[in-house]
PDB file of N, CA and C in Angstrom:
ATOM      1  N   MET A   1     195.647-143.271 227.342  1.00  0.00           N
ATOM      2  CA  MET A   1     195.648-142.248 226.334  1.00  0.00           C
ATOM      3  C   MET A   1     194.997-140.976 226.909  1.00  0.00           C
ATOM      4  N   GLU A   2     195.641-139.849 226.811  1.00  0.00           N
ATOM      5  CA  GLU A   2     195.096-138.616 227.351  1.00  0.00           C
ATOM      6  C   GLU A   2     194.180-137.947 226.316  1.00  0.00           C
ATOM      7  N   THR A   3     193.382-137.001 226.792  1.00  0.00           N
ATOM      8  CA  THR A   3     192.382-136.340 225.948  1.00  0.00           C
ATOM      9  C   THR A   3     193.042-135.710 224.718  1.00  0.00           C
ATOM     10  N   ARG A   4     194.153-135.052 224.907  1.00  0.00           N
ATOM     11  CA  ARG A   4     194.814-134.388 223.769  1.00  0.00           C
ATOM     12  C   ARG A   4     195.300-135.450 222.751  1.00  0.00           C
ATOM     13  N   ASP A   5     195.830-136.554 223.253  1.00  0.00           N
ATOM     14  CA  ASP A   5     196.257-137.618 222.386  1.00  0.00           C
ATOM     15  C   ASP A   5     195.082-138.200 221.599  1.00  0.00           C
ATOM     16  N   ILE A   6     193.974-138.401 222.273  1.00  0.00           N
ATOM     17  CA  ILE A   6     192.778-138.936 221.606  1.00  0.00           C
ATOM     18  C   ILE A   6     192.345-138.010 220.502  1.00  0.00           C
ATOM     19  N   SER A   7     192.285-136.727 220.826  1.00  0.00           N
ATOM     20  CA  SER A   7     191.814-135.733 219.848  1.00  0.00           C
ATOM     21  C   SER A   7     192.730-135.741 218.608  1.00  0.00           C
ATOM     22  N   GLU A   8     194.013-135.791 218.827  1.00  0.00           N
ATOM     23  CA  GLU A   8     194.985-135.795 217.706  1.00  0.00           C
ATOM     24  C   GLU A   8     194.823-137.101 216.881  1.00  0.00           C
ATOM     25  N   ARG A   9     194.649-138.201 217.561  1.00  0.00           N
ATOM     26  CA  ARG A   9     194.526-139.488 216.853  1.00  0.00           C
ATOM     27  C   ARG A   9     193.214-139.622 216.078  1.00  0.00           C
ATOM     28  N   LEU A  10     192.164-138.952 216.557  1.00  0.00           N
ATOM     29  CA  LEU A  10     190.896-139.004 215.854  1.00  0.00           C
ATOM     30  C   LEU A  10     190.999-138.319 214.496  1.00  0.00           C
ATOM     31  N   ARG A  11     191.930-137.399 214.363  1.00  0.00           N
ATOM     32  CA  ARG A  11     192.125-136.671 213.073  1.00  0.00           C
ATOM     33  C   ARG A  11     193.091-137.416 212.127  1.00  0.00           C
ATOM     34  N   SER A  12     193.630-138.540 212.583  1.00  0.00           N
ATOM     35  CA  SER A  12     194.568-139.290 211.772  1.00  0.00           C
ATOM     36  C   SER A  12     193.900-139.841 210.543  1.00  0.00           C
ATOM     37  N   HIS A  13     194.695-139.947 209.486  1.00  0.00           N
ATOM     38  CA  HIS A  13     194.206-140.566 208.238  1.00  0.00           C
ATOM     39  C   HIS A  13     194.369-142.062 208.248  1.00  0.00           C
ATOM     40  N   ASP A  14     195.051-142.565 209.316  1.00  0.00           N
ATOM     41  CA  ASP A  14     195.271-144.026 209.437  1.00  0.00           C
ATOM     42  C   ASP A  14     194.049-144.605 210.221  1.00  0.00           C
ATOM     43  N   PRO A  15     193.272-145.437 209.592  1.00  0.00           N
ATOM     44  CA  PRO A  15     192.092-145.985 210.282  1.00  0.00           C
ATOM     45  C   PRO A  15     192.420-146.738 211.587  1.00  0.00           C
ATOM     46  N   ALA A  16     193.536-147.407 211.637  1.00  0.00           N
ATOM     47  CA  ALA A  16     193.925-148.155 212.843  1.00  0.00           C
ATOM     48  C   ALA A  16     194.127-147.190 213.980  1.00  0.00           C
ATOM     49  N   VAL A  17     194.753-146.057 213.747  1.00  0.00           N
ATOM     50  CA  VAL A  17     194.978-145.041 214.787  1.00  0.00           C
ATOM     51  C   VAL A  17     193.643-144.469 215.226  1.00  0.00           C
ATOM     52  N   GLY A  18     192.788-144.129 214.261  1.00  0.00           N
ATOM     53  CA  GLY A  18     191.497-143.576 214.582  1.00  0.00           C
ATOM     54  C   GLY A  18     190.604-144.526 215.372  1.00  0.00           C
ATOM     55  N   LEU A  19     190.642-145.798 214.993  1.00  0.00           N
ATOM     56  CA  LEU A  19     189.839-146.769 215.702  1.00  0.00           C
ATOM     57  C   LEU A  19     190.317-147.029 217.113  1.00  0.00           C
ATOM     58  N   ARG A  20     191.631-147.014 217.325  1.00  0.00           N
ATOM     59  CA  ARG A  20     192.111-147.149 218.677  1.00  0.00           C
ATOM     60  C   ARG A  20     191.681-145.956 219.517  1.00  0.00           C
ATOM     61  N   ALA A  21     191.671-144.781 218.947  1.00  0.00           N
ATOM     62  CA  ALA A  21     191.221-143.589 219.669  1.00  0.00           C
ATOM     63  C   ALA A  21     189.704-143.691 220.028  1.00  0.00           C
ATOM     64  N   VAL A  22     188.930-144.235 219.100  1.00  0.00           N
ATOM     65  CA  VAL A  22     187.504-144.431 219.380  1.00  0.00           C
ATOM     66  C   VAL A  22     187.321-145.411 220.529  1.00  0.00           C
ATOM     67  N   GLY A  23     188.097-146.479 220.542  1.00  0.00           N
ATOM     68  CA  GLY A  23     188.044-147.422 221.649  1.00  0.00           C
ATOM     69  C   GLY A  23     188.394-146.750 222.967  1.00  0.00           C
ATOM     70  N   ALA A  24     189.410-145.894 222.952  1.00  0.00           N
ATOM     71  CA  ALA A  24     189.788-145.163 224.175  1.00  0.00           C
ATOM     72  C   ALA A  24     188.632-144.249 224.646  1.00  0.00           C
ATOM     73  N   LEU A  25     187.974-143.619 223.702  1.00  0.00           N
ATOM     74  CA  LEU A  25     186.810-142.760 224.040  1.00  0.00           C
ATOM     75  C   LEU A  25     185.673-143.593 224.648  1.00  0.00           C
ATOM     76  N   HIS A  26     185.407-144.734 224.111  1.00  0.00           N
ATOM     77  CA  HIS A  26     184.372-145.619 224.654  1.00  0.00           C
ATOM     78  C   HIS A  26     184.714-145.997 226.096  1.00  0.00           C
ATOM     79  N   ARG A  27     185.941-146.365 226.344  1.00  0.00           N
ATOM     80  CA  ARG A  27     186.353-146.741 227.695  1.00  0.00           C
ATOM     81  C   ARG A  27     186.262-145.580 228.664  1.00  0.00           C
ATOM     82  N   LEU A  28     186.676-144.393 228.197  1.00  0.00           N
ATOM     83  CA  LEU A  28     186.546-143.204 229.047  1.00  0.00           C
ATOM     84  C   LEU A  28     185.083-142.885 229.346  1.00  0.00           C
ATOM     85  N   ALA A  29     184.234-142.922 228.344  1.00  0.00           N
ATOM     86  CA  ALA A  29     182.807-142.674 228.525  1.00  0.00           C
ATOM     87  C   ALA A  29     182.205-143.632 229.536  1.00  0.00           C
ATOM     88  N   GLU A  30     182.560-144.919 229.454  1.00  0.00           N
ATOM     89  CA  GLU A  30     182.035-145.898 230.382  1.00  0.00           C
ATOM     90  C   GLU A  30     182.494-145.587 231.827  1.00  0.00           C
ATOM     91  N   GLN A  31     183.725-145.152 231.995  1.00  0.00           N
ATOM     92  CA  GLN A  31     184.248-144.816 233.337  1.00  0.00           C
ATOM     93  C   GLN A  31     183.514-143.612 233.896  1.00  0.00           C
ATOM     94  N   VAL A  32     183.334-142.564 233.061  1.00  0.00           N
ATOM     95  CA  VAL A  32     182.625-141.343 233.485  1.00  0.00           C
ATOM     96  C   VAL A  32     181.184-141.670 233.840  1.00  0.00           C
ATOM     97  N   GLU A  33     180.536-142.510 232.999  1.00  0.00           N
ATOM     98  CA  GLU A  33     179.130-142.908 233.281  1.00  0.00           C
ATOM     99  C   GLU A  33     179.025-143.640 234.607  1.00  0.00           C
ATOM    100  N   ALA A  34     179.893-144.590 234.824  1.00  0.00           N
ATOM    101  CA  ALA A  34     179.823-145.390 236.063  1.00  0.00           C
ATOM    102  C   ALA A  34     180.044-144.510 237.279  1.00  0.00           C
ATOM    103  N   ALA A  35     180.986-143.610 237.222  1.00  0.00           N
ATOM    104  CA  ALA A  35     181.242-142.695 238.367  1.00  0.00           C
ATOM    105  C   ALA A  35     180.046-141.768 238.580  1.00  0.00           C
ATOM    106  N   SER A  36     179.476-141.258 237.512  1.00  0.00           N
ATOM    107  CA  SER A  36     178.329-140.349 237.657  1.00  0.00           C
ATOM    108  C   SER A  36     177.103-141.063 238.210  1.00  0.00           C
ATOM    109  N   VAL A  37     176.871-142.299 237.780  1.00  0.00           N
ATOM    110  CA  VAL A  37     175.737-143.083 238.304  1.00  0.00           C
ATOM    111  C   VAL A  37     175.968-143.373 239.779  1.00  0.00           C
ATOM    112  N   ALA A  38     177.190-143.691 240.128  1.00  0.00           N
ATOM    113  CA  ALA A  38     177.485-143.988 241.562  1.00  0.00           C
ATOM    114  C   ALA A  38     177.219-142.748 242.378  1.00  0.00           C
ATOM    115  N   ARG A  39     177.639-141.564 241.917  1.00  0.00           N
ATOM    116  CA  ARG A  39     177.358-140.309 242.645  1.00  0.00           C
ATOM    117  C   ARG A  39     175.889-140.034 242.758  1.00  0.00           C
ATOM    118  N   ALA A  40     175.140-140.256 241.676  1.00  0.00           N
ATOM    119  CA  ALA A  40     173.689-140.020 241.652  1.00  0.00           C
ATOM    120  C   ALA A  40     173.031-140.955 242.689  1.00  0.00           C
ATOM    121  N   ARG A  41     173.438-142.202 242.738  1.00  0.00           N
ATOM    122  CA  ARG A  41     172.843-143.142 243.685  1.00  0.00           C
ATOM    123  C   ARG A  41     173.190-142.727 245.131  1.00  0.00           C
ATOM    124  N   GLU A  42     174.397-142.294 245.367  1.00  0.00           N
ATOM    125  CA  GLU A  42     174.838-141.809 246.698  1.00  0.00           C
ATOM    126  C   GLU A  42     173.967-140.616 247.119  1.00  0.00           C
ATOM    127  N   GLN A  43     173.528-139.814 246.152  1.00  0.00           N
ATOM    128  CA  GLN A  43     172.720-138.634 246.476  1.00  0.00           C
ATOM    129  C   GLN A  43     171.225-138.922 246.439  1.00  0.00           C
ATOM    130  N   GLY A  44     170.867-140.204 246.324  1.00  0.00           N
ATOM    131  CA  GLY A  44     169.473-140.589 246.432  1.00  0.00           C
ATOM    132  C   GLY A  44     168.663-140.610 245.158  1.00  0.00           C
ATOM    133  N   TRP A  45     169.333-140.516 243.991  1.00  0.00           N
ATOM    134  CA  TRP A  45     168.611-140.553 242.749  1.00  0.00           C
ATOM    135  C   TRP A  45     167.990-141.890 242.552  1.00  0.00           C
ATOM    136  N   SER A  46     166.804-141.926 241.953  1.00  0.00           N
ATOM    137  CA  SER A  46     166.152-143.195 241.608  1.00  0.00           C
ATOM    138  C   SER A  46     166.733-143.683 240.289  1.00  0.00           C
ATOM    139  N   TRP A  47     166.468-144.980 240.049  1.00  0.00           N
ATOM    140  CA  TRP A  47     166.891-145.542 238.747  1.00  0.00           C
ATOM    141  C   TRP A  47     166.173-144.885 237.601  1.00  0.00           C
ATOM    142  N   GLU A  48     164.945-144.463 237.841  1.00  0.00           N
ATOM    143  CA  GLU A  48     164.189-143.765 236.818  1.00  0.00           C
ATOM    144  C   GLU A  48     164.840-142.430 236.456  1.00  0.00           C
ATOM    145  N   GLN A  49     165.271-141.675 237.464  1.00  0.00           N
ATOM    146  CA  GLN A  49     165.937-140.383 237.200  1.00  0.00           C
ATOM    147  C   GLN A  49     167.245-140.599 236.457  1.00  0.00           C
ATOM    148  N   ILE A  50     167.976-141.603 236.846  1.00  0.00           N
ATOM    149  CA  ILE A  50     169.270-141.893 236.180  1.00  0.00           C
ATOM    150  C   ILE A  50     169.008-142.308 234.747  1.00  0.00           C
ATOM    151  N   GLY A  51     168.067-143.212 234.547  1.00  0.00           N
ATOM    152  CA  GLY A  51     167.749-143.630 233.192  1.00  0.00           C
ATOM    153  C   GLY A  51     167.310-142.474 232.296  1.00  0.00           C
ATOM    154  N   ASP A  52     166.496-141.594 232.852  1.00  0.00           N
ATOM    155  CA  ASP A  52     166.075-140.394 232.100  1.00  0.00           C
ATOM    156  C   ASP A  52     167.289-139.553 231.701  1.00  0.00           C
ATOM    157  N   ALA A  53     168.197-139.326 232.669  1.00  0.00           N
ATOM    158  CA  ALA A  53     169.358-138.517 232.373  1.00  0.00           C
ATOM    159  C   ALA A  53     170.247-139.149 231.313  1.00  0.00           C
ATOM    160  N   LEU A  54     170.291-140.441 231.296  1.00  0.00           N
ATOM    161  CA  LEU A  54     171.117-141.164 230.319  1.00  0.00           C
ATOM    162  C   LEU A  54     170.419-141.435 228.998  1.00  0.00           C
ATOM    163  N   GLY A  55     169.099-141.209 228.980  1.00  0.00           N
ATOM    164  CA  GLY A  55     168.333-141.453 227.784  1.00  0.00           C
ATOM    165  C   GLY A  55     168.002-142.912 227.559  1.00  0.00           C
ATOM    166  N   VAL A  56     167.949-143.661 228.689  1.00  0.00           N
ATOM    167  CA  VAL A  56     167.612-145.071 228.616  1.00  0.00           C
ATOM    168  C   VAL A  56     166.501-145.365 229.631  1.00  0.00           C
ATOM    169  N   SER A  57     165.987-146.580 229.612  1.00  0.00           N
ATOM    170  CA  SER A  57     164.948-146.928 230.577  1.00  0.00           C
ATOM    171  C   SER A  57     165.527-147.126 231.961  1.00  0.00           C
ATOM    172  N   ARG A  58     164.676-147.070 232.928  1.00  0.00           N
ATOM    173  CA  ARG A  58     165.069-147.351 234.342  1.00  0.00           C
ATOM    174  C   ARG A  58     165.646-148.744 234.439  1.00  0.00           C
ATOM    175  N   GLN A  59     165.006-149.677 233.772  1.00  0.00           N
ATOM    176  CA  GLN A  59     165.467-151.076 233.831  1.00  0.00           C
ATOM    177  C   GLN A  59     166.866-151.238 233.203  1.00  0.00           C
ATOM    178  N   SER A  60     167.096-150.540 232.103  1.00  0.00           N
ATOM    179  CA  SER A  60     168.389-150.617 231.434  1.00  0.00           C
ATOM    180  C   SER A  60     169.480-150.024 232.320  1.00  0.00           C
ATOM    181  N   ALA A  61     169.213-148.899 232.939  1.00  0.00           N
ATOM    182  CA  ALA A  61     170.201-148.277 233.836  1.00  0.00           C
ATOM    183  C   ALA A  61     170.529-149.190 235.026  1.00  0.00           C
ATOM    184  N   HIS A  62     169.474-149.785 235.600  1.00  0.00           N
ATOM    185  CA  HIS A  62     169.668-150.655 236.735  1.00  0.00           C
ATOM    186  C   HIS A  62     170.434-151.914 236.331  1.00  0.00           C
ATOM    187  N   THR A  63     170.074-152.501 235.203  1.00  0.00           N
ATOM    188  CA  THR A  63     170.730-153.711 234.739  1.00  0.00           C
ATOM    189  C   THR A  63     172.219-153.455 234.544  1.00  0.00           C
ATOM    190  N   LYS A  64     172.553-152.322 233.971  1.00  0.00           N
ATOM    191  CA  LYS A  64     173.937-151.991 233.671  1.00  0.00           C
ATOM    192  C   LYS A  64     174.741-151.612 234.912  1.00  0.00           C
ATOM    193  N   HIS A  65     174.130-150.850 235.839  1.00  0.00           N
ATOM    194  CA  HIS A  65     174.855-150.279 236.955  1.00  0.00           C
ATOM    195  C   HIS A  65     174.460-150.761 238.324  1.00  0.00           C
ATOM    196  N   GLY A  66     173.341-151.484 238.445  1.00  0.00           N
ATOM    197  CA  GLY A  66     172.887-151.951 239.748  1.00  0.00           C
ATOM    198  C   GLY A  66     173.811-153.043 240.242  1.00  0.00           C
ATOM    199  N   LYS A  67     173.850-153.191 241.545  1.00  0.00           N
ATOM    200  CA  LYS A  67     174.769-154.213 242.131  1.00  0.00           C
ATOM    201  C   LYS A  67     173.998-155.427 242.569  1.00  0.00           C
TER     202      LYS A  67
END
């Protein structure tokens, strides 16, 4: 689902359409977060810095994205 499609579907009066769009947004956000965390780690960011940027604890960021 592309961004324009998601935006249009979020305005739908059909809850099923809106909920599918919300799911697509969640998946997109997860992909963007993972890519951004990977870039931050490549650039030497600490887990504390990443957690702060995400608004979560260092441990939470590491648990979710650490390998």
